[in-house]
Each structure stands twice: as C-alpha cells, then as structure tokens.
C-alpha cells in the first residue's frame, strides 16, 4: 500500500460512517438495488437498509452489522468501481527536471518522438521523426515549431514546458473524443 493509499484509508477510518455512506452511494451507480445515500455521518435507517441490501446481494449473511469483513467487502467493491469509472491519470512521460538539447539521447525521448510522428501526419510544419531516442536536428526543429506555436522560447530543447505543450496538442488532435455520427433514421 502506497503512502497516499494509507492516508486515504486513515481518513476513511477517521470518519467511518461518512466513508461507508459515500462508498455505498457510489456503488448505487453500479448496483441498482442500493439506494442513493446522503453523506451525513449518521448511521440512519437508510444507511442500515443499504448495508443490508449489500449483504443480501453481495456479502451474506444479512444482519446490518458492519464488521471488518463487511467493511472490506464494501471497500473492495468500491475500489473496483472507482478503477472502472475513474478517468485515467495524466501521464507524466517526460522527466520534470530533464531538458534534452541537440545531441542528447535517452529512452524518455521516444515518447515525444512518437507523438511528433503522429502529429506530422496531420499538422503542417511538423517533420516526421525517427523513433531512436536521439534529440537530433529533426527533433530540435519540431520542438522549435511547437515552441513558436505555444509562445515559448524557441530553444529547440525538449523540456517540461515543451512536453506540456506537446501533450496538449497531441490530446487535441490525436486523442480527441470520437465523433458520434447520427444518420437519418438511425441511432448514434
């Protein structure tokens, strides 16, 4: 368990009824048999009902008691739900302290090179990159092109600010949401 996970677990244990209500409320989005709960911190009748419904459907016996086993079962279901439905974490694919200048090399340069290569297929001014981890003339020219477009200093270096601009551009043009096309008489 990571430090962040231990901290979250401690916060949940410091306010167990609020945490229980929150987890069961979130799980109601997955399991229609669970009621939506208000997070009040009071183990009220609706909370008891939600616990008993959870036990009936997923973790018998039904007694309304939240012991360690019941808590763990609810928490594990909730964690699984959150992993399925939470947005993905942002990728920090470029070292925040690194700055690659002309002639530098490293495997961390492969990702920006691949991103530039994809962008070169659809954006004018981006040259097709070699995927070799070398910050060569083409890589530096692409970095300068992006820096100019993003209003950054045109150093030709791949650094944190250039990486951030590249990821935004890549997300905008490559990883965009798919467009739903609705045809007359059909469904999206």
Protein backbone atom coordinates (compact mmCIF):
# COMPACT_ATOMS: atom_id res chain seq x y z
CA UNK A 1 0.00 0.00 0.00
CA UNK A 2 1.38 3.40 -1.00
CA UNK A 3 1.57 6.40 1.33
CA UNK A 4 -1.39 8.03 -0.46
CA UNK A 5 -3.45 4.85 -0.10
CA UNK A 6 -2.57 4.65 3.61
CA UNK A 7 -3.59 8.29 4.07
CA UNK A 8 -6.92 7.71 2.29
CA UNK A 9 -7.54 4.60 4.39
CA UNK A 10 -6.82 6.57 7.59
CA UNK A 11 -9.18 9.37 6.53
CA UNK A 12 -11.87 6.79 5.85
CA UNK A 13 -11.35 5.20 9.25
CA UNK A 14 -11.45 8.59 10.99
CA UNK A 15 -14.97 9.14 9.65
CA UNK A 16 -16.25 5.59 9.13
CA UNK A 17 -19.97 6.34 8.74
CA UNK A 18 -19.36 9.13 6.21
CA UNK A 19 -16.99 6.85 4.31
CA UNK A 20 -19.47 3.97 4.41
CA UNK A 21 -22.25 6.21 3.10
CA UNK A 22 -20.02 7.60 0.38
CA UNK A 23 -18.86 4.17 -0.80
CA UNK A 24 -22.38 2.71 -0.79
CA UNK A 25 -23.69 5.81 -2.55
CA UNK A 26 -21.09 5.46 -5.29
CA UNK A 27 -21.86 1.74 -5.57
CA UNK A 28 -25.54 2.58 -6.12
CA UNK A 29 -24.46 3.74 -9.59
CA UNK A 30 -23.35 0.18 -10.33
CA UNK A 31 -25.91 -1.73 -8.34
CA UNK A 32 -29.49 -0.53 -8.83
CA UNK A 33 -30.64 -2.30 -5.68
CA UNK A 34 -28.64 0.11 -3.49
CA UNK A 35 -30.27 3.43 -2.56
CA UNK A 36 -28.54 6.77 -3.13
CA UNK A 37 -27.26 7.85 0.28
CA UNK A 38 -26.67 11.32 1.64
CA UNK A 39 -23.34 11.54 3.44
CA UNK A 40 -24.50 12.71 6.86
CA UNK A 41 -22.23 10.83 9.24
CA UNK A 42 -25.28 9.37 11.00
CA UNK A 43 -25.87 5.64 10.74
CA UNK A 44 -29.55 6.15 9.96
CA UNK A 45 -32.29 3.87 8.68
CA UNK A 46 -31.36 4.41 5.01
CA UNK A 47 -27.72 3.52 5.74
CA UNK A 48 -28.80 0.37 7.56
CA UNK A 49 -31.02 -0.54 4.62
CA UNK A 50 -28.14 -0.04 2.17
CA UNK A 51 -25.83 -2.22 4.28
CA UNK A 52 -28.44 -4.97 4.48
CA UNK A 53 -29.12 -4.82 0.73
CA UNK A 54 -25.39 -5.02 0.06
CA UNK A 55 -25.17 -8.05 2.36
CA UNK A 56 -28.24 -9.70 0.78
CA UNK A 57 -26.96 -9.34 -2.78
CA UNK A 58 -23.18 -9.48 -2.44
CA UNK A 59 -21.94 -10.46 1.01
CA UNK A 60 -24.23 -12.57 3.22
CA UNK A 61 -25.28 -13.06 5.96
CA UNK A 62 -27.74 -10.19 6.27
CA UNK A 63 -27.51 -8.68 9.74
CA UNK A 64 -26.86 -4.97 9.16
CA UNK A 65 -23.61 -5.11 11.12
CA UNK A 66 -20.55 -3.53 9.53
CA UNK A 67 -17.67 -5.53 10.94
CA UNK A 68 -14.19 -5.63 9.38
CA UNK A 69 -15.19 -8.26 6.81
CA UNK A 70 -18.26 -6.29 5.66
CA UNK A 71 -16.23 -3.06 5.58
CA UNK A 72 -13.55 -4.75 3.47
CA UNK A 73 -16.14 -6.20 1.07
CA UNK A 74 -17.78 -2.79 0.57
CA UNK A 75 -14.40 -1.08 0.22
CA UNK A 76 -13.17 -3.66 -2.30
CA UNK A 77 -16.33 -3.29 -4.40
CA UNK A 78 -15.98 0.49 -4.24
CA UNK A 79 -12.29 0.40 -5.25
CA UNK A 80 -13.17 -1.85 -8.20
CA UNK A 81 -15.94 0.53 -9.23
CA UNK A 82 -13.65 3.56 -9.00
CA UNK A 83 -10.96 1.83 -11.04
CA UNK A 84 -13.52 1.06 -13.75
CA UNK A 85 -15.07 4.53 -13.83
CA UNK A 86 -12.41 6.98 -12.77
CA UNK A 87 -10.74 8.97 -15.53
CA UNK A 88 -7.21 7.82 -16.29
CA UNK A 89 -4.37 9.53 -14.56
CA UNK A 90 -2.41 12.02 -16.56
CA UNK A 91 0.80 10.62 -17.95
CA UNK A 92 3.97 12.22 -16.76
CA UNK A 93 6.04 10.74 -19.56
CA UNK A 94 8.83 13.30 -19.51
CA UNK A 95 11.09 13.87 -16.50
CA UNK A 96 10.21 17.22 -14.95
CA UNK A 97 13.85 18.10 -14.32
CA UNK A 98 15.14 16.98 -17.73
CA UNK A 99 15.92 19.17 -20.69
CA UNK A 100 17.13 17.48 -23.86
CA UNK A 101 19.28 19.56 -26.15
CA UNK A 102 20.71 18.79 -29.56
CA UNK A 103 22.65 15.53 -29.45
CA UNK A 104 21.16 14.31 -26.17
CA UNK A 105 19.71 10.83 -26.06
CA UNK A 106 17.54 8.78 -23.76
CA UNK A 107 14.65 6.37 -23.87
CA UNK A 108 12.39 9.08 -22.38
CA UNK A 109 12.69 10.88 -25.75
CA UNK A 110 10.94 8.03 -27.57
CA UNK A 111 7.50 9.14 -26.40
CA UNK A 112 7.75 12.76 -27.59
CA UNK A 113 9.22 11.49 -30.86
CA UNK A 114 6.28 9.13 -31.35
CA UNK A 115 3.86 11.94 -30.56
CA UNK A 116 5.53 14.24 -33.09
CA UNK A 117 5.49 11.41 -35.64
CA UNK A 118 1.71 11.03 -35.23
CA UNK A 119 1.21 14.79 -35.42
CA UNK A 120 3.32 15.01 -38.58
CA UNK A 121 0.62 13.05 -40.40
CA UNK A 122 -1.98 15.77 -39.81
CA UNK A 123 -0.23 19.06 -39.00
CA UNK A 124 1.71 21.12 -41.48
CA UNK A 125 5.15 22.11 -40.24
CA UNK A 126 5.80 19.01 -38.11
CA UNK A 127 8.52 16.81 -39.60
CA UNK A 128 8.35 13.03 -39.42
CA UNK A 129 10.56 11.85 -36.56
CA UNK A 130 12.81 8.83 -36.22
CA UNK A 131 11.97 6.80 -33.16
CA UNK A 132 15.51 6.40 -31.87
CA UNK A 133 15.68 8.37 -28.61
CA UNK A 134 18.14 10.87 -30.18
CA UNK A 135 17.35 14.59 -29.94
CA UNK A 136 18.68 15.29 -33.41
CA UNK A 137 18.10 18.14 -35.89
CA UNK A 138 14.58 16.92 -36.76
CA UNK A 139 13.61 16.61 -33.09
CA UNK A 140 15.01 20.07 -32.35
CA UNK A 141 13.18 21.55 -35.38
CA UNK A 142 9.90 20.02 -34.19
CA UNK A 143 10.50 21.35 -30.69
CA UNK A 144 11.15 24.85 -32.12
CA UNK A 145 7.99 24.63 -34.26
CA UNK A 146 5.93 23.72 -31.21
CA UNK A 147 7.61 26.33 -29.01
CA UNK A 148 6.84 29.01 -31.61
CA UNK A 149 3.18 27.93 -31.82
CA UNK A 150 2.89 27.77 -28.00
CA UNK A 151 4.58 31.13 -27.40
CA UNK A 152 7.58 29.58 -25.66
CA UNK A 153 11.24 30.46 -26.07
CA UNK A 154 12.41 28.78 -29.29
CA UNK A 155 15.33 26.86 -27.87
CA UNK A 156 14.78 23.61 -29.74
CA UNK A 157 15.18 21.78 -26.43
CA UNK A 158 12.66 19.25 -25.21
CA UNK A 159 11.87 20.42 -21.69
CA UNK A 160 8.92 20.37 -19.32
CA UNK A 161 7.10 23.34 -20.90
CA UNK A 162 7.59 21.93 -24.41
CA UNK A 163 6.42 18.50 -23.21
CA UNK A 164 3.28 20.04 -21.66
CA UNK A 165 2.50 21.88 -24.90
CA UNK A 166 3.12 18.68 -26.88
CA UNK A 167 0.77 16.62 -24.72
CA UNK A 168 -2.00 19.23 -25.07
CA UNK A 169 -1.54 19.30 -28.84
CA UNK A 170 -1.44 15.51 -29.04
CA UNK A 171 -4.58 15.22 -26.96
CA UNK A 172 -6.36 17.80 -29.10
CA UNK A 173 -5.53 16.25 -32.47
CA UNK A 174 -4.80 12.57 -31.83
CA UNK A 175 -6.60 11.52 -28.66
CA UNK A 176 -9.76 13.50 -29.27
CA UNK A 177 -13.16 12.15 -28.34
CA UNK A 178 -14.63 10.12 -31.17
CA UNK A 179 -17.35 11.95 -33.02
CA UNK A 180 -20.76 10.30 -32.99
CA UNK A 181 -22.40 10.36 -36.38
CA UNK A 182 -26.18 10.14 -36.39
CA UNK A 183 -27.73 9.24 -39.70
CA UNK A 184 -31.32 9.94 -40.58
CA UNK A 185 -33.49 7.10 -39.40
CA UNK A 186 -30.64 5.57 -37.38
CA UNK A 187 -29.25 5.73 -33.90
CA UNK A 188 -25.81 7.18 -32.94
